[in-house]
Amino acid sequence: VNSISPGVIQSDLTTKILGKKGIQEIQKLIPMQRLSKMNEIVNLIAFVVSDYNTYITGQNIIIDGGYTCG
């Protein structure tokens, strides 16, 4: 079993909840200086469940632009 833990994703809902100023503040805390795009999360999911993933198991994969490292 694997799990994926995304950071803050760029979306209409994120903008509605946080507002532009809130998003700017969060981006300052992310080493990549931006929110993730939905396709970046989807691409990781597609890889994890594909036949290309032959050896990753029992992992929680964090995809947050480096936020948890900062």
N, C-alpha and C. Protein backbone atom coordinates (compact mmCIF):
# COMPACT_ATOMS: atom_id res chain seq x y z
N VAL A 1 0.84 -1.19 0.00
CA VAL A 1 0.00 0.00 0.00
C VAL A 1 0.88 1.24 0.00
N ASN A 2 0.57 2.16 -0.87
CA ASN A 2 1.23 3.47 -0.91
C ASN A 2 0.18 4.54 -0.69
N SER A 3 0.62 5.68 -0.22
CA SER A 3 -0.27 6.84 -0.10
C SER A 3 0.43 8.06 -0.66
N ILE A 4 -0.36 9.03 -1.06
CA ILE A 4 0.18 10.27 -1.61
C ILE A 4 -0.37 11.43 -0.78
N SER A 5 0.54 12.29 -0.32
CA SER A 5 0.17 13.44 0.50
C SER A 5 0.52 14.72 -0.25
N PRO A 6 -0.46 15.30 -0.93
CA PRO A 6 -0.18 16.55 -1.66
C PRO A 6 -0.19 17.75 -0.74
N GLY A 7 0.54 18.76 -1.14
CA GLY A 7 0.49 20.04 -0.46
C GLY A 7 -0.70 20.83 -0.97
N VAL A 8 -0.60 22.14 -0.94
CA VAL A 8 -1.69 23.00 -1.39
C VAL A 8 -1.73 22.99 -2.91
N ILE A 9 -2.91 22.72 -3.44
CA ILE A 9 -3.10 22.61 -4.89
C ILE A 9 -3.77 23.88 -5.40
N GLN A 10 -3.27 24.36 -6.52
CA GLN A 10 -3.85 25.54 -7.17
C GLN A 10 -5.22 25.17 -7.72
N SER A 11 -6.26 25.84 -7.23
CA SER A 11 -7.62 25.57 -7.70
C SER A 11 -8.51 26.76 -7.37
N ASP A 12 -9.70 26.77 -7.96
CA ASP A 12 -10.66 27.82 -7.66
C ASP A 12 -11.05 27.79 -6.18
N LEU A 13 -11.20 26.59 -5.63
CA LEU A 13 -11.58 26.46 -4.22
C LEU A 13 -10.48 27.01 -3.31
N THR A 14 -9.22 26.73 -3.64
CA THR A 14 -8.10 27.26 -2.85
C THR A 14 -8.12 28.78 -2.86
N THR A 15 -8.34 29.36 -4.03
CA THR A 15 -8.39 30.81 -4.15
C THR A 15 -9.57 31.38 -3.37
N LYS A 16 -10.71 30.69 -3.43
CA LYS A 16 -11.90 31.15 -2.71
C LYS A 16 -11.68 31.14 -1.20
N ILE A 17 -11.03 30.09 -0.70
CA ILE A 17 -10.83 29.95 0.73
C ILE A 17 -9.70 30.85 1.25
N LEU A 18 -8.58 30.85 0.55
CA LEU A 18 -7.40 31.57 1.04
C LEU A 18 -7.31 33.01 0.53
N GLY A 19 -7.87 33.27 -0.61
CA GLY A 19 -7.71 34.58 -1.24
C GLY A 19 -6.32 34.72 -1.81
N LYS A 20 -6.14 35.73 -2.62
CA LYS A 20 -4.83 35.94 -3.26
C LYS A 20 -3.73 36.22 -2.25
N LYS A 21 -4.04 36.97 -1.22
CA LYS A 21 -3.03 37.29 -0.21
C LYS A 21 -2.63 36.04 0.56
N GLY A 22 -3.59 35.19 0.90
CA GLY A 22 -3.29 33.94 1.60
C GLY A 22 -2.42 33.02 0.77
N ILE A 23 -2.71 32.94 -0.51
CA ILE A 23 -1.91 32.12 -1.41
C ILE A 23 -0.49 32.66 -1.49
N GLN A 24 -0.34 33.96 -1.59
CA GLN A 24 1.00 34.56 -1.64
C GLN A 24 1.80 34.23 -0.38
N GLU A 25 1.14 34.25 0.77
CA GLU A 25 1.82 33.94 2.03
C GLU A 25 2.27 32.47 2.06
N ILE A 26 1.44 31.57 1.60
CA ILE A 26 1.81 30.16 1.56
C ILE A 26 2.95 29.93 0.58
N GLN A 27 2.88 30.57 -0.57
CA GLN A 27 3.94 30.39 -1.58
C GLN A 27 5.31 30.80 -1.04
N LYS A 28 5.35 31.76 -0.14
CA LYS A 28 6.62 32.17 0.46
C LYS A 28 7.24 31.05 1.29
N LEU A 29 6.40 30.14 1.78
CA LEU A 29 6.87 29.03 2.63
C LEU A 29 7.26 27.79 1.83
N ILE A 30 6.95 27.79 0.54
CA ILE A 30 7.24 26.65 -0.32
C ILE A 30 8.52 26.94 -1.10
N PRO A 31 9.54 26.09 -0.97
CA PRO A 31 10.80 26.34 -1.68
C PRO A 31 10.64 26.56 -3.19
N MET A 32 9.67 25.89 -3.82
CA MET A 32 9.45 26.10 -5.26
C MET A 32 8.66 27.37 -5.55
N GLN A 33 8.23 28.07 -4.48
CA GLN A 33 7.57 29.38 -4.57
C GLN A 33 6.26 29.38 -5.37
N ARG A 34 5.56 28.22 -5.41
CA ARG A 34 4.28 28.16 -6.10
C ARG A 34 3.47 26.99 -5.55
N LEU A 35 2.17 27.02 -5.82
CA LEU A 35 1.32 25.90 -5.46
C LEU A 35 1.43 24.83 -6.54
N SER A 36 1.06 23.61 -6.20
CA SER A 36 1.11 22.55 -7.21
C SER A 36 -0.08 22.69 -8.15
N LYS A 37 0.10 22.13 -9.31
CA LYS A 37 -0.99 22.06 -10.29
C LYS A 37 -1.59 20.65 -10.18
N MET A 38 -2.86 20.56 -10.44
CA MET A 38 -3.55 19.28 -10.32
C MET A 38 -2.88 18.19 -11.17
N ASN A 39 -2.43 18.54 -12.38
CA ASN A 39 -1.81 17.52 -13.23
C ASN A 39 -0.52 16.96 -12.64
N GLU A 40 0.16 17.72 -11.79
CA GLU A 40 1.38 17.21 -11.15
C GLU A 40 1.03 16.10 -10.15
N ILE A 41 -0.07 16.27 -9.45
CA ILE A 41 -0.52 15.25 -8.51
C ILE A 41 -1.02 14.03 -9.28
N VAL A 42 -1.81 14.27 -10.32
CA VAL A 42 -2.36 13.19 -11.13
C VAL A 42 -1.24 12.37 -11.78
N ASN A 43 -0.19 13.03 -12.27
CA ASN A 43 0.93 12.32 -12.88
C ASN A 43 1.60 11.38 -11.88
N LEU A 44 1.75 11.83 -10.64
CA LEU A 44 2.34 10.97 -9.62
C LEU A 44 1.44 9.77 -9.34
N ILE A 45 0.15 10.01 -9.21
CA ILE A 45 -0.79 8.91 -8.98
C ILE A 45 -0.73 7.92 -10.13
N ALA A 46 -0.72 8.42 -11.35
CA ALA A 46 -0.66 7.54 -12.53
C ALA A 46 0.60 6.68 -12.50
N PHE A 47 1.72 7.26 -12.10
CA PHE A 47 2.95 6.48 -12.01
C PHE A 47 2.85 5.40 -10.94
N VAL A 48 2.38 5.79 -9.76
CA VAL A 48 2.34 4.86 -8.62
C VAL A 48 1.47 3.64 -8.93
N VAL A 49 0.38 3.85 -9.66
CA VAL A 49 -0.52 2.72 -9.95
C VAL A 49 -0.19 2.01 -11.27
N SER A 50 0.83 2.48 -11.98
CA SER A 50 1.16 1.91 -13.28
C SER A 50 2.14 0.74 -13.17
N ASP A 51 2.34 0.09 -14.30
CA ASP A 51 3.31 -1.00 -14.37
C ASP A 51 4.75 -0.49 -14.29
N TYR A 52 4.97 0.82 -14.43
CA TYR A 52 6.31 1.38 -14.27
C TYR A 52 6.77 1.35 -12.82
N ASN A 53 5.82 1.35 -11.90
CA ASN A 53 6.15 1.26 -10.48
C ASN A 53 6.25 -0.21 -10.11
N THR A 54 7.45 -0.71 -10.08
CA THR A 54 7.65 -2.13 -9.78
C THR A 54 8.28 -2.39 -8.42
N TYR A 55 8.63 -1.32 -7.68
CA TYR A 55 9.37 -1.56 -6.44
C TYR A 55 9.02 -0.61 -5.30
N ILE A 56 8.17 0.36 -5.53
CA ILE A 56 7.78 1.27 -4.45
C ILE A 56 6.56 0.69 -3.75
N THR A 57 6.71 0.41 -2.48
CA THR A 57 5.58 -0.10 -1.71
C THR A 57 5.71 0.32 -0.25
N GLY A 58 4.60 0.46 0.41
CA GLY A 58 4.61 0.84 1.82
C GLY A 58 5.09 2.25 2.07
N GLN A 59 4.86 3.14 1.12
CA GLN A 59 5.39 4.50 1.24
C GLN A 59 4.29 5.55 1.26
N ASN A 60 4.55 6.63 1.95
CA ASN A 60 3.75 7.84 1.84
C ASN A 60 4.59 8.83 1.05
N ILE A 61 4.15 9.17 -0.13
CA ILE A 61 4.90 10.07 -1.00
C ILE A 61 4.35 11.48 -0.84
N ILE A 62 5.20 12.37 -0.35
CA ILE A 62 4.80 13.77 -0.14
C ILE A 62 5.16 14.55 -1.39
N ILE A 63 4.18 15.24 -1.93
CA ILE A 63 4.40 16.07 -3.12
C ILE A 63 3.89 17.47 -2.80
N ASP A 64 4.81 18.29 -2.27
CA ASP A 64 4.41 19.61 -1.76
C ASP A 64 5.39 20.71 -2.13
N GLY A 65 6.20 20.51 -3.15
CA GLY A 65 7.13 21.55 -3.58
C GLY A 65 8.24 21.84 -2.60
N GLY A 66 8.45 20.94 -1.64
CA GLY A 66 9.50 21.12 -0.66
C GLY A 66 9.03 21.77 0.64
N TYR A 67 7.74 22.00 0.79
CA TYR A 67 7.21 22.68 1.99
C TYR A 67 7.63 22.00 3.27
N THR A 68 7.54 20.68 3.33
CA THR A 68 7.88 19.98 4.56
C THR A 68 9.38 19.96 4.83
N CYS A 69 10.18 20.28 3.83
CA CYS A 69 11.64 20.33 4.03
C CYS A 69 12.10 21.70 4.51
N GLY A 70 11.27 22.72 4.27
CA GLY A 70 11.65 24.09 4.59
C GLY A 70 11.42 24.38 5.99
